[in-house]
């Protein structure tokens, strides 16, 4: 079973539908005990960094995610959920993140319009099981104004995101939305489910 963290932020139903479509048992939950029982966890998110982190921390979910990640549980962060995994963000001030991935989140600096919305070519910068069956240079769907500045764990980049995806052992994330990225996005979710089994 894949647990989807339900903390009042994000398009969790579309993530759930995508996971079910690739054959995974998926459950929306805000219960830390359910997270511990799951084979893997997806941390989605849409909105601003600080309010999202505050909501995540309300019921001790942030602390529990860190404990489970450090214990080896596979975790996939998506969009804002991915950003929350970094050490710090500079969205509307400086804020500490969960610290599961090295680096900081900053405003996209090379776009005429914010947010960046749409399909962007995404290059593989390192091999990862998340990329299995996904061609280098595939177009994936982004909606963001902030992005990880860089990361020593980056596995992919796009025009507006030098760390469009990252992986550090069991901790993974994507700035793009796999659930909105067609067949390639579904393949990424399928790959994550395989990692969890």
N, C-alpha and C. Protein backbone atom coordinates (compact mmCIF):
# COMPACT_ATOMS: atom_id res chain seq x y z
N UNK A 1 0.84 -1.19 0.00
CA UNK A 1 0.00 0.00 0.00
C UNK A 1 0.88 1.25 0.00
N UNK A 2 0.51 2.23 -0.83
CA UNK A 2 1.20 3.51 -0.88
C UNK A 2 0.34 4.54 -0.15
N UNK A 3 0.89 5.17 0.84
CA UNK A 3 0.18 6.21 1.59
C UNK A 3 0.42 7.56 0.93
N UNK A 4 -0.64 8.32 0.76
CA UNK A 4 -0.56 9.69 0.23
C UNK A 4 -0.84 10.62 1.40
N UNK A 5 0.10 11.46 1.74
CA UNK A 5 -0.04 12.32 2.92
C UNK A 5 -1.10 13.38 2.65
N UNK A 6 -2.16 13.32 3.44
CA UNK A 6 -3.28 14.27 3.32
C UNK A 6 -3.15 15.29 4.45
N UNK A 7 -2.59 16.46 4.11
CA UNK A 7 -2.41 17.50 5.11
C UNK A 7 -3.06 18.81 4.68
N UNK A 8 -4.07 18.68 3.82
CA UNK A 8 -4.86 19.83 3.42
C UNK A 8 -4.23 20.70 2.35
N UNK A 9 -3.18 20.20 1.70
CA UNK A 9 -2.46 20.98 0.68
C UNK A 9 -2.23 20.09 -0.53
N UNK A 10 -2.83 20.43 -1.67
CA UNK A 10 -2.46 19.71 -2.87
C UNK A 10 -3.59 19.01 -3.56
N UNK A 11 -3.23 18.48 -4.71
CA UNK A 11 -4.19 17.79 -5.58
C UNK A 11 -4.10 16.29 -5.31
N UNK A 12 -4.47 15.91 -4.10
CA UNK A 12 -4.24 14.53 -3.67
C UNK A 12 -5.08 13.51 -4.42
N UNK A 13 -6.27 13.90 -4.85
CA UNK A 13 -7.13 12.94 -5.56
C UNK A 13 -6.53 12.53 -6.90
N UNK A 14 -5.90 13.48 -7.60
CA UNK A 14 -5.30 13.13 -8.89
C UNK A 14 -4.07 12.24 -8.68
N UNK A 15 -3.35 12.44 -7.58
CA UNK A 15 -2.23 11.55 -7.25
C UNK A 15 -2.76 10.15 -6.95
N UNK A 16 -3.83 10.09 -6.16
CA UNK A 16 -4.44 8.80 -5.83
C UNK A 16 -4.89 8.08 -7.10
N UNK A 17 -5.57 8.78 -8.01
CA UNK A 17 -6.05 8.16 -9.25
C UNK A 17 -4.88 7.62 -10.09
N UNK A 18 -3.80 8.39 -10.15
CA UNK A 18 -2.64 7.95 -10.93
C UNK A 18 -2.03 6.68 -10.34
N UNK A 19 -1.91 6.62 -9.03
CA UNK A 19 -1.35 5.43 -8.38
C UNK A 19 -2.25 4.21 -8.59
N UNK A 20 -3.56 4.41 -8.47
CA UNK A 20 -4.49 3.31 -8.72
C UNK A 20 -4.39 2.86 -10.17
N UNK A 21 -4.23 3.80 -11.09
CA UNK A 21 -4.13 3.47 -12.52
C UNK A 21 -2.93 2.59 -12.82
N UNK A 22 -1.84 2.74 -12.05
CA UNK A 22 -0.66 1.90 -12.29
C UNK A 22 -0.68 0.63 -11.43
N UNK A 23 -1.83 0.37 -10.78
CA UNK A 23 -2.01 -0.89 -10.07
C UNK A 23 -1.64 -0.88 -8.61
N UNK A 24 -1.41 0.28 -8.04
CA UNK A 24 -1.02 0.35 -6.63
C UNK A 24 -2.25 0.46 -5.74
N UNK A 25 -2.17 -0.12 -4.57
CA UNK A 25 -3.13 0.18 -3.53
C UNK A 25 -2.72 1.52 -2.95
N UNK A 26 -3.62 2.49 -2.96
CA UNK A 26 -3.28 3.84 -2.49
C UNK A 26 -4.27 4.28 -1.42
N UNK A 27 -3.78 4.96 -0.40
CA UNK A 27 -4.65 5.42 0.68
C UNK A 27 -4.27 6.84 1.08
N UNK A 28 -5.27 7.72 1.10
CA UNK A 28 -5.07 9.07 1.63
C UNK A 28 -5.09 9.00 3.14
N UNK A 29 -4.13 9.62 3.79
CA UNK A 29 -4.11 9.55 5.24
C UNK A 29 -3.40 10.75 5.86
N UNK A 30 -3.87 11.12 7.04
CA UNK A 30 -3.18 12.12 7.87
C UNK A 30 -2.77 11.48 9.19
N UNK A 31 -2.77 10.16 9.23
CA UNK A 31 -2.46 9.38 10.43
C UNK A 31 -1.02 8.88 10.35
N UNK A 32 -0.20 9.31 11.29
CA UNK A 32 1.21 8.91 11.30
C UNK A 32 1.37 7.40 11.39
N UNK A 33 0.43 6.72 12.05
CA UNK A 33 0.51 5.26 12.17
C UNK A 33 0.32 4.59 10.82
N UNK A 34 -0.59 5.15 9.99
CA UNK A 34 -0.79 4.62 8.64
C UNK A 34 0.46 4.80 7.79
N UNK A 35 1.14 5.93 7.96
CA UNK A 35 2.38 6.16 7.21
C UNK A 35 3.40 5.09 7.54
N UNK A 36 3.49 4.72 8.80
CA UNK A 36 4.47 3.72 9.23
C UNK A 36 4.16 2.35 8.64
N UNK A 37 2.88 2.04 8.44
CA UNK A 37 2.49 0.73 7.91
C UNK A 37 2.65 0.62 6.40
N UNK A 38 2.69 1.76 5.71
CA UNK A 38 2.71 1.78 4.25
C UNK A 38 4.03 1.23 3.70
N UNK A 39 3.97 0.71 2.47
CA UNK A 39 5.19 0.26 1.79
C UNK A 39 6.00 1.45 1.29
N UNK A 40 5.30 2.55 0.99
CA UNK A 40 5.94 3.77 0.52
C UNK A 40 5.00 4.94 0.74
N UNK A 41 5.53 6.14 0.62
CA UNK A 41 4.76 7.35 0.92
C UNK A 41 4.95 8.35 -0.21
N UNK A 42 3.85 8.99 -0.63
CA UNK A 42 3.91 10.12 -1.55
C UNK A 42 3.51 11.37 -0.78
N UNK A 43 4.36 12.38 -0.84
CA UNK A 43 4.10 13.68 -0.19
C UNK A 43 3.80 14.68 -1.30
N UNK A 44 2.50 14.96 -1.56
CA UNK A 44 2.15 15.93 -2.59
C UNK A 44 2.16 17.34 -2.02
N UNK A 45 1.79 18.32 -2.81
CA UNK A 45 1.69 19.68 -2.29
C UNK A 45 1.50 20.71 -3.38
N UNK A 46 0.65 21.67 -3.11
CA UNK A 46 0.43 22.82 -3.97
C UNK A 46 0.25 24.02 -3.04
N UNK A 47 0.88 25.15 -3.37
CA UNK A 47 0.73 26.34 -2.53
C UNK A 47 2.07 26.89 -2.12
N UNK A 48 2.12 27.50 -0.92
CA UNK A 48 3.32 28.15 -0.43
C UNK A 48 4.02 27.30 0.63
N UNK A 49 5.33 27.44 0.69
CA UNK A 49 6.18 26.58 1.52
C UNK A 49 5.83 26.66 3.01
N UNK A 50 5.85 27.85 3.59
CA UNK A 50 5.69 27.99 5.05
C UNK A 50 4.33 27.49 5.54
N UNK A 51 3.20 27.91 4.93
CA UNK A 51 1.92 27.38 5.40
C UNK A 51 1.81 25.86 5.25
N UNK A 52 2.38 25.33 4.16
CA UNK A 52 2.33 23.88 3.95
C UNK A 52 3.12 23.15 5.03
N UNK A 53 4.30 23.67 5.35
CA UNK A 53 5.11 23.03 6.38
C UNK A 53 4.42 23.11 7.74
N UNK A 54 3.76 24.24 8.02
CA UNK A 54 3.02 24.38 9.28
C UNK A 54 1.90 23.35 9.36
N UNK A 55 1.17 23.15 8.26
CA UNK A 55 0.08 22.15 8.25
C UNK A 55 0.65 20.75 8.43
N UNK A 56 1.77 20.49 7.78
CA UNK A 56 2.40 19.17 7.89
C UNK A 56 2.84 18.90 9.33
N UNK A 57 3.26 19.95 10.03
CA UNK A 57 3.77 19.80 11.38
C UNK A 57 2.67 19.76 12.44
N UNK A 58 1.46 20.20 12.08
CA UNK A 58 0.36 20.29 13.04
C UNK A 58 0.14 19.00 13.81
N UNK A 59 0.15 17.89 13.11
CA UNK A 59 -0.11 16.60 13.75
C UNK A 59 1.15 15.74 13.84
N UNK A 60 2.31 16.38 13.79
CA UNK A 60 3.57 15.66 13.89
C UNK A 60 3.94 14.88 12.64
N UNK A 61 3.29 15.19 11.50
CA UNK A 61 3.56 14.43 10.28
C UNK A 61 4.95 14.72 9.72
N UNK A 62 5.40 15.96 9.82
CA UNK A 62 6.73 16.30 9.32
C UNK A 62 7.81 15.52 10.04
N UNK A 63 7.72 15.53 11.36
CA UNK A 63 8.71 14.80 12.17
C UNK A 63 8.66 13.30 11.86
N UNK A 64 7.44 12.78 11.71
CA UNK A 64 7.30 11.34 11.44
C UNK A 64 7.86 10.98 10.06
N UNK A 65 7.63 11.84 9.07
CA UNK A 65 8.18 11.59 7.73
C UNK A 65 9.70 11.51 7.77
N UNK A 66 10.31 12.41 8.52
CA UNK A 66 11.77 12.41 8.64
C UNK A 66 12.24 11.11 9.29
N UNK A 67 11.56 10.69 10.35
CA UNK A 67 11.94 9.44 11.03
C UNK A 67 11.82 8.24 10.08
N UNK A 68 10.70 8.18 9.35
CA UNK A 68 10.48 7.05 8.44
C UNK A 68 11.48 7.06 7.30
N UNK A 69 11.77 8.24 6.77
CA UNK A 69 12.76 8.34 5.69
C UNK A 69 14.12 7.88 6.18
N UNK A 70 14.51 8.32 7.34
CA UNK A 70 15.82 7.92 7.89
C UNK A 70 15.86 6.44 8.22
N UNK A 71 14.67 5.85 8.42
CA UNK A 71 14.59 4.40 8.67
C UNK A 71 14.54 3.57 7.40
N UNK A 72 14.53 4.23 6.24
CA UNK A 72 14.59 3.51 4.98
C UNK A 72 13.30 3.42 4.20
N UNK A 73 12.21 4.02 4.70
CA UNK A 73 10.93 3.98 3.99
C UNK A 73 11.03 4.81 2.71
N UNK A 74 10.64 4.25 1.54
CA UNK A 74 10.66 5.04 0.31
C UNK A 74 9.64 6.18 0.36
N UNK A 75 10.09 7.38 0.04
CA UNK A 75 9.24 8.57 0.05
C UNK A 75 9.47 9.34 -1.25
N UNK A 76 8.35 9.71 -1.89
CA UNK A 76 8.40 10.50 -3.11
C UNK A 76 7.69 11.83 -2.87
N UNK A 77 8.41 12.93 -2.97
CA UNK A 77 7.81 14.26 -2.87
C UNK A 77 7.45 14.77 -4.25
N UNK A 78 6.30 15.44 -4.37
CA UNK A 78 5.84 15.96 -5.66
C UNK A 78 5.57 17.45 -5.53
N UNK A 79 6.17 18.24 -6.42
CA UNK A 79 6.00 19.69 -6.50
C UNK A 79 6.34 20.33 -5.15
N UNK A 80 5.39 20.96 -4.48
CA UNK A 80 5.69 21.57 -3.18
C UNK A 80 6.12 20.52 -2.17
N UNK A 81 5.54 19.33 -2.25
CA UNK A 81 5.98 18.26 -1.36
C UNK A 81 7.45 17.94 -1.52
N UNK A 82 7.94 18.01 -2.75
CA UNK A 82 9.36 17.84 -3.05
C UNK A 82 10.17 18.97 -2.44
N UNK A 83 9.71 20.20 -2.61
CA UNK A 83 10.43 21.35 -2.04
C UNK A 83 10.54 21.26 -0.53
N UNK A 84 9.49 20.75 0.13
CA UNK A 84 9.51 20.64 1.60
C UNK A 84 10.61 19.70 2.08
N UNK A 85 11.10 18.82 1.23
CA UNK A 85 12.12 17.85 1.63
C UNK A 85 13.51 18.47 1.72
N UNK A 86 13.68 19.69 1.20
CA UNK A 86 14.99 20.33 1.20
C UNK A 86 15.30 21.00 2.55
N UNK A 87 16.53 21.46 2.68
CA UNK A 87 16.98 22.05 3.95
C UNK A 87 16.31 23.39 4.24
N UNK A 88 16.11 24.21 3.20
CA UNK A 88 15.52 25.53 3.44
C UNK A 88 14.88 26.07 2.18
N UNK A 89 13.95 27.01 2.39
CA UNK A 89 13.29 27.70 1.29
C UNK A 89 13.34 29.20 1.53
N UNK A 90 13.40 29.94 0.42
CA UNK A 90 13.39 31.41 0.49
C UNK A 90 12.12 31.96 -0.15
N UNK A 91 11.03 31.22 -0.02
CA UNK A 91 9.74 31.68 -0.50
C UNK A 91 9.10 32.55 0.58
N UNK A 92 9.00 33.86 0.33
CA UNK A 92 8.43 34.80 1.30
C UNK A 92 9.17 34.73 2.65
N UNK A 93 10.49 34.89 2.60
CA UNK A 93 11.32 34.79 3.80
C UNK A 93 12.08 33.47 3.81
N UNK A 94 12.88 33.28 4.84
CA UNK A 94 13.64 32.03 4.95
C UNK A 94 12.92 31.07 5.89
N UNK A 95 12.83 29.81 5.47
CA UNK A 95 12.14 28.81 6.27
C UNK A 95 12.91 27.50 6.22
N UNK A 96 13.03 26.83 7.36
CA UNK A 96 13.65 25.51 7.41
C UNK A 96 12.71 24.48 6.80
N UNK A 97 13.29 23.55 6.04
CA UNK A 97 12.52 22.44 5.50
C UNK A 97 12.76 21.18 6.31
N UNK A 98 12.38 20.04 5.75
CA UNK A 98 12.53 18.77 6.46
C UNK A 98 13.98 18.29 6.48
N UNK A 99 14.82 18.78 5.58
CA UNK A 99 16.23 18.44 5.60
C UNK A 99 16.57 17.05 5.10
N UNK A 100 15.68 16.46 4.31
CA UNK A 100 15.96 15.12 3.77
C UNK A 100 16.83 15.17 2.52
N UNK A 101 16.83 16.31 1.84
CA UNK A 101 17.68 16.51 0.67
C UNK A 101 18.50 17.79 0.86
N UNK A 102 19.75 17.75 0.47
CA UNK A 102 20.62 18.92 0.60
C UNK A 102 20.24 19.97 -0.43
N UNK A 103 20.27 21.23 -0.03
CA UNK A 103 20.00 22.31 -0.97
C UNK A 103 18.92 23.24 -0.47
N UNK A 104 18.66 24.28 -1.27
CA UNK A 104 17.66 25.26 -0.89
C UNK A 104 16.72 25.56 -2.05
N UNK A 105 15.54 26.03 -1.70
CA UNK A 105 14.50 26.33 -2.68
C UNK A 105 14.47 27.84 -2.89
N UNK A 106 14.53 28.27 -4.14
CA UNK A 106 14.58 29.70 -4.48
C UNK A 106 13.57 29.99 -5.60
N UNK A 107 13.31 31.27 -5.83
CA UNK A 107 12.40 31.66 -6.91
C UNK A 107 13.04 31.35 -8.26
N UNK A 108 12.23 30.89 -9.19
CA UNK A 108 12.70 30.66 -10.56
C UNK A 108 13.22 31.99 -11.10
N UNK A 109 14.45 32.00 -11.61
CA UNK A 109 15.07 33.26 -12.00
C UNK A 109 15.19 33.50 -13.49
N UNK A 110 14.83 32.55 -14.30
CA UNK A 110 15.07 32.70 -15.74
C UNK A 110 13.79 32.53 -16.56
N UNK A 111 12.69 33.05 -16.01
CA UNK A 111 11.42 32.96 -16.72
C UNK A 111 10.77 34.34 -16.78
N UNK A 112 10.18 34.67 -17.92
CA UNK A 112 9.50 35.95 -18.05
C UNK A 112 8.20 35.98 -17.27
N UNK A 113 7.64 34.79 -17.01
CA UNK A 113 6.36 34.71 -16.32
C UNK A 113 6.43 33.72 -15.17
N UNK A 114 5.81 34.08 -14.06
CA UNK A 114 5.65 33.17 -12.93
C UNK A 114 4.18 33.10 -12.58
N UNK A 115 3.66 31.94 -12.25
CA UNK A 115 4.39 30.67 -12.23
C UNK A 115 4.72 30.15 -13.63
N UNK A 116 5.71 29.27 -13.67
CA UNK A 116 6.00 28.51 -14.88
C UNK A 116 4.93 27.42 -14.96
N UNK A 117 4.16 27.43 -16.02
CA UNK A 117 3.08 26.46 -16.18
C UNK A 117 3.20 25.81 -17.56
N UNK A 118 3.25 24.49 -17.58
CA UNK A 118 3.22 23.80 -18.85
C UNK A 118 4.24 22.68 -18.97
N UNK A 119 4.35 22.18 -20.19
CA UNK A 119 5.22 21.05 -20.49
C UNK A 119 6.64 21.53 -20.73
N UNK A 120 7.60 20.96 -20.03
CA UNK A 120 9.01 21.33 -20.18
C UNK A 120 9.83 20.07 -20.45
N UNK A 121 10.76 20.21 -21.39
CA UNK A 121 11.69 19.10 -21.65
C UNK A 121 12.54 18.88 -20.40
N UNK A 122 12.61 17.63 -19.98
CA UNK A 122 13.33 17.29 -18.75
C UNK A 122 14.45 16.32 -19.09
N UNK A 123 15.66 16.73 -18.77
CA UNK A 123 16.87 15.93 -19.06
C UNK A 123 17.27 15.09 -17.85
N UNK A 124 17.75 13.90 -18.10
CA UNK A 124 18.30 13.06 -17.04
C UNK A 124 19.73 13.52 -16.77
N UNK A 125 20.05 13.80 -15.54
CA UNK A 125 21.42 14.18 -15.18
C UNK A 125 22.12 13.07 -14.39
N UNK A 126 21.38 12.05 -14.00
CA UNK A 126 21.94 10.88 -13.32
C UNK A 126 20.96 9.73 -13.52
N UNK A 127 21.47 8.53 -13.46
CA UNK A 127 20.58 7.37 -13.59
C UNK A 127 19.80 7.19 -12.30
N UNK A 128 18.60 6.65 -12.43
CA UNK A 128 17.74 6.37 -11.28
C UNK A 128 16.66 5.41 -11.71
N UNK A 129 16.23 4.51 -10.83
CA UNK A 129 15.10 3.65 -11.14
C UNK A 129 13.83 4.44 -11.48
N UNK A 130 13.72 5.67 -11.00
CA UNK A 130 12.55 6.48 -11.33
C UNK A 130 12.45 6.73 -12.83
N UNK A 131 13.60 6.76 -13.52
CA UNK A 131 13.61 7.06 -14.96
C UNK A 131 13.39 5.82 -15.83
N UNK A 132 13.30 4.63 -15.25
CA UNK A 132 13.17 3.41 -16.06
C UNK A 132 12.01 3.55 -17.04
N UNK A 133 12.28 3.42 -18.33
CA UNK A 133 11.24 3.50 -19.35
C UNK A 133 10.82 4.91 -19.72
N UNK A 134 11.47 5.92 -19.14
CA UNK A 134 11.17 7.32 -19.45
C UNK A 134 12.36 7.88 -20.22
N UNK A 135 12.14 8.29 -21.45
CA UNK A 135 13.24 8.75 -22.29
C UNK A 135 13.83 10.06 -21.79
N UNK A 136 15.14 10.17 -21.91
CA UNK A 136 15.82 11.44 -21.62
C UNK A 136 15.26 12.51 -22.56
N UNK A 137 14.92 13.66 -22.01
CA UNK A 137 14.36 14.73 -22.81
C UNK A 137 12.85 14.70 -22.94
N UNK A 138 12.20 13.83 -22.18
CA UNK A 138 10.74 13.77 -22.22
C UNK A 138 10.14 15.08 -21.70
N UNK A 139 8.97 15.42 -22.20
CA UNK A 139 8.26 16.60 -21.73
C UNK A 139 7.36 16.20 -20.56
N UNK A 140 7.54 16.90 -19.44
CA UNK A 140 6.78 16.65 -18.23
C UNK A 140 6.11 17.94 -17.78
N UNK A 141 5.06 17.84 -16.99
CA UNK A 141 4.21 19.00 -16.70
C UNK A 141 4.58 19.67 -15.37
N UNK A 142 4.89 20.97 -15.46
CA UNK A 142 5.31 21.77 -14.30
C UNK A 142 4.29 22.88 -14.01
N UNK A 143 4.15 23.20 -12.72
CA UNK A 143 3.42 24.40 -12.27
C UNK A 143 4.17 24.89 -11.04
N UNK A 144 5.02 25.93 -11.20
CA UNK A 144 5.81 26.36 -10.03
C UNK A 144 6.41 27.75 -10.25
N UNK A 145 6.60 28.43 -9.12
CA UNK A 145 7.31 29.72 -9.11
C UNK A 145 8.64 29.60 -8.38
N UNK A 146 8.78 28.55 -7.57
CA UNK A 146 9.99 28.28 -6.82
C UNK A 146 10.49 26.90 -7.18
N UNK A 147 11.78 26.67 -6.96
CA UNK A 147 12.37 25.40 -7.34
C UNK A 147 13.66 25.17 -6.55
N UNK A 148 14.06 23.93 -6.31
CA UNK A 148 15.38 23.71 -5.73
C UNK A 148 16.45 24.34 -6.60
N UNK A 149 17.32 25.12 -5.97
CA UNK A 149 18.37 25.85 -6.69
C UNK A 149 19.33 24.88 -7.37
N UNK A 150 19.68 23.84 -6.65
CA UNK A 150 20.54 22.78 -7.15
C UNK A 150 20.54 21.72 -6.07
N UNK A 151 21.09 20.60 -6.37
CA UNK A 151 21.20 19.55 -5.36
C UNK A 151 22.27 18.57 -5.78
N UNK A 152 23.05 18.13 -4.82
CA UNK A 152 24.04 17.10 -5.12
C UNK A 152 23.36 15.77 -5.45
N UNK A 153 22.06 15.69 -5.19
CA UNK A 153 21.31 14.47 -5.47
C UNK A 153 20.39 14.60 -6.68
N UNK A 154 20.57 15.66 -7.47
CA UNK A 154 19.72 15.87 -8.64
C UNK A 154 19.88 14.72 -9.63
N UNK A 155 18.76 14.30 -10.21
CA UNK A 155 18.79 13.27 -11.25
C UNK A 155 18.17 13.79 -12.54
N UNK A 156 17.65 15.02 -12.52
CA UNK A 156 17.05 15.59 -13.72
C UNK A 156 17.00 17.10 -13.65
N UNK A 157 16.96 17.73 -14.83
CA UNK A 157 16.88 19.19 -14.89
C UNK A 157 15.96 19.59 -16.03
N UNK A 158 15.41 20.80 -15.91
CA UNK A 158 14.62 21.38 -17.00
C UNK A 158 15.08 22.83 -17.16
N UNK A 159 14.51 23.51 -18.11
CA UNK A 159 14.92 24.89 -18.38
C UNK A 159 14.81 25.78 -17.15
N UNK A 160 13.79 25.58 -16.35
CA UNK A 160 13.53 26.45 -15.20
C UNK A 160 13.84 25.78 -13.86
N UNK A 161 14.37 24.57 -13.88
CA UNK A 161 14.60 23.84 -12.64
C UNK A 161 15.86 23.00 -12.74
N UNK A 162 16.98 23.48 -12.14
CA UNK A 162 18.23 22.72 -12.21
C UNK A 162 18.17 21.39 -11.47
N UNK A 163 17.22 21.26 -10.55
CA UNK A 163 17.01 19.98 -9.86
C UNK A 163 15.53 19.61 -10.01
N UNK A 164 15.13 19.35 -11.26
CA UNK A 164 13.73 19.01 -11.55
C UNK A 164 13.32 17.69 -10.92
N UNK A 165 14.31 16.87 -10.59
CA UNK A 165 14.08 15.62 -9.86
C UNK A 165 15.34 15.31 -9.09
N UNK A 166 15.18 14.64 -7.96
CA UNK A 166 16.33 14.27 -7.14
C UNK A 166 16.06 12.93 -6.47
N UNK A 167 17.12 12.24 -6.13
CA UNK A 167 16.99 10.97 -5.42
C UNK A 167 18.22 10.77 -4.54
N UNK A 168 17.96 10.42 -3.31
CA UNK A 168 19.02 10.09 -2.35
C UNK A 168 18.58 8.82 -1.64
N UNK A 169 18.98 7.69 -2.20
CA UNK A 169 18.54 6.41 -1.64
C UNK A 169 17.03 6.29 -1.72
N UNK A 170 16.39 6.15 -0.59
CA UNK A 170 14.94 5.95 -0.52
C UNK A 170 14.14 7.25 -0.57
N UNK A 171 14.83 8.40 -0.60
CA UNK A 171 14.16 9.70 -0.64
C UNK A 171 14.25 10.26 -2.05
N UNK A 172 13.09 10.52 -2.67
CA UNK A 172 13.02 10.94 -4.06
C UNK A 172 12.02 12.08 -4.21
N UNK A 173 12.14 12.83 -5.29
CA UNK A 173 11.16 13.87 -5.51
C UNK A 173 11.22 14.43 -6.92
N UNK A 174 10.11 15.04 -7.32
CA UNK A 174 10.02 15.68 -8.63
C UNK A 174 9.38 17.05 -8.49
N UNK A 175 9.95 18.04 -9.18
CA UNK A 175 9.34 19.36 -9.22
C UNK A 175 8.10 19.33 -10.13
N UNK A 176 8.12 18.51 -11.13
CA UNK A 176 6.97 18.36 -12.02
C UNK A 176 5.92 17.46 -11.38
N UNK A 177 4.73 17.45 -11.99
CA UNK A 177 3.62 16.62 -11.51
C UNK A 177 3.52 15.36 -12.36
N UNK A 178 3.97 14.20 -11.86
CA UNK A 178 3.81 12.98 -12.65
C UNK A 178 2.35 12.69 -12.99
N UNK A 179 1.44 13.01 -12.08
CA UNK A 179 0.02 12.71 -12.31
C UNK A 179 -0.60 13.55 -13.41
N UNK A 180 0.12 14.59 -13.86
CA UNK A 180 -0.36 15.44 -14.97
C UNK A 180 0.53 15.29 -16.20
N UNK A 181 1.44 14.33 -16.17
CA UNK A 181 2.47 14.21 -17.21
C UNK A 181 2.26 13.03 -18.15
N UNK A 182 1.01 12.61 -18.32
CA UNK A 182 0.71 11.57 -19.30
C UNK A 182 1.36 10.24 -18.99
N UNK A 183 1.68 9.49 -20.04
CA UNK A 183 2.21 8.14 -19.89
C UNK A 183 3.55 8.13 -19.17
N UNK A 184 4.40 9.13 -19.43
CA UNK A 184 5.71 9.17 -18.75
C UNK A 184 5.54 9.40 -17.25
N UNK A 185 4.59 10.24 -16.88
CA UNK A 185 4.34 10.47 -15.47
C UNK A 185 3.81 9.22 -14.78
N UNK A 186 2.91 8.52 -15.45
CA UNK A 186 2.40 7.27 -14.88
C UNK A 186 3.52 6.25 -14.73
N UNK A 187 4.45 6.25 -15.70
CA UNK A 187 5.58 5.33 -15.60
C UNK A 187 6.44 5.66 -14.39
N UNK A 188 6.61 6.94 -14.08
CA UNK A 188 7.39 7.34 -12.90
C UNK A 188 6.70 6.84 -11.63
N UNK A 189 5.37 6.98 -11.55
CA UNK A 189 4.66 6.44 -10.39
C UNK A 189 4.80 4.92 -10.33
N UNK A 190 4.68 4.27 -11.48
CA UNK A 190 4.85 2.81 -11.51
C UNK A 190 6.24 2.41 -11.04
N UNK A 191 7.25 3.17 -11.46
CA UNK A 191 8.62 2.88 -11.01
C UNK A 191 8.76 3.05 -9.51
N UNK A 192 8.10 4.09 -8.96
CA UNK A 192 8.16 4.31 -7.52
C UNK A 192 7.49 3.14 -6.79
N UNK A 193 6.36 2.71 -7.29
CA UNK A 193 5.66 1.55 -6.66
C UNK A 193 6.57 0.33 -6.68
N UNK A 194 7.28 0.11 -7.79
CA UNK A 194 8.21 -1.03 -7.87
C UNK A 194 9.33 -0.91 -6.86
N UNK A 195 9.82 0.31 -6.65
CA UNK A 195 10.86 0.55 -5.65
C UNK A 195 10.36 0.17 -4.26
N UNK A 196 9.07 0.41 -4.02
CA UNK A 196 8.49 0.16 -2.69
C UNK A 196 8.20 -1.30 -2.42
N UNK A 197 8.18 -2.13 -3.47
CA UNK A 197 7.78 -3.54 -3.28
C UNK A 197 8.96 -4.44 -2.98
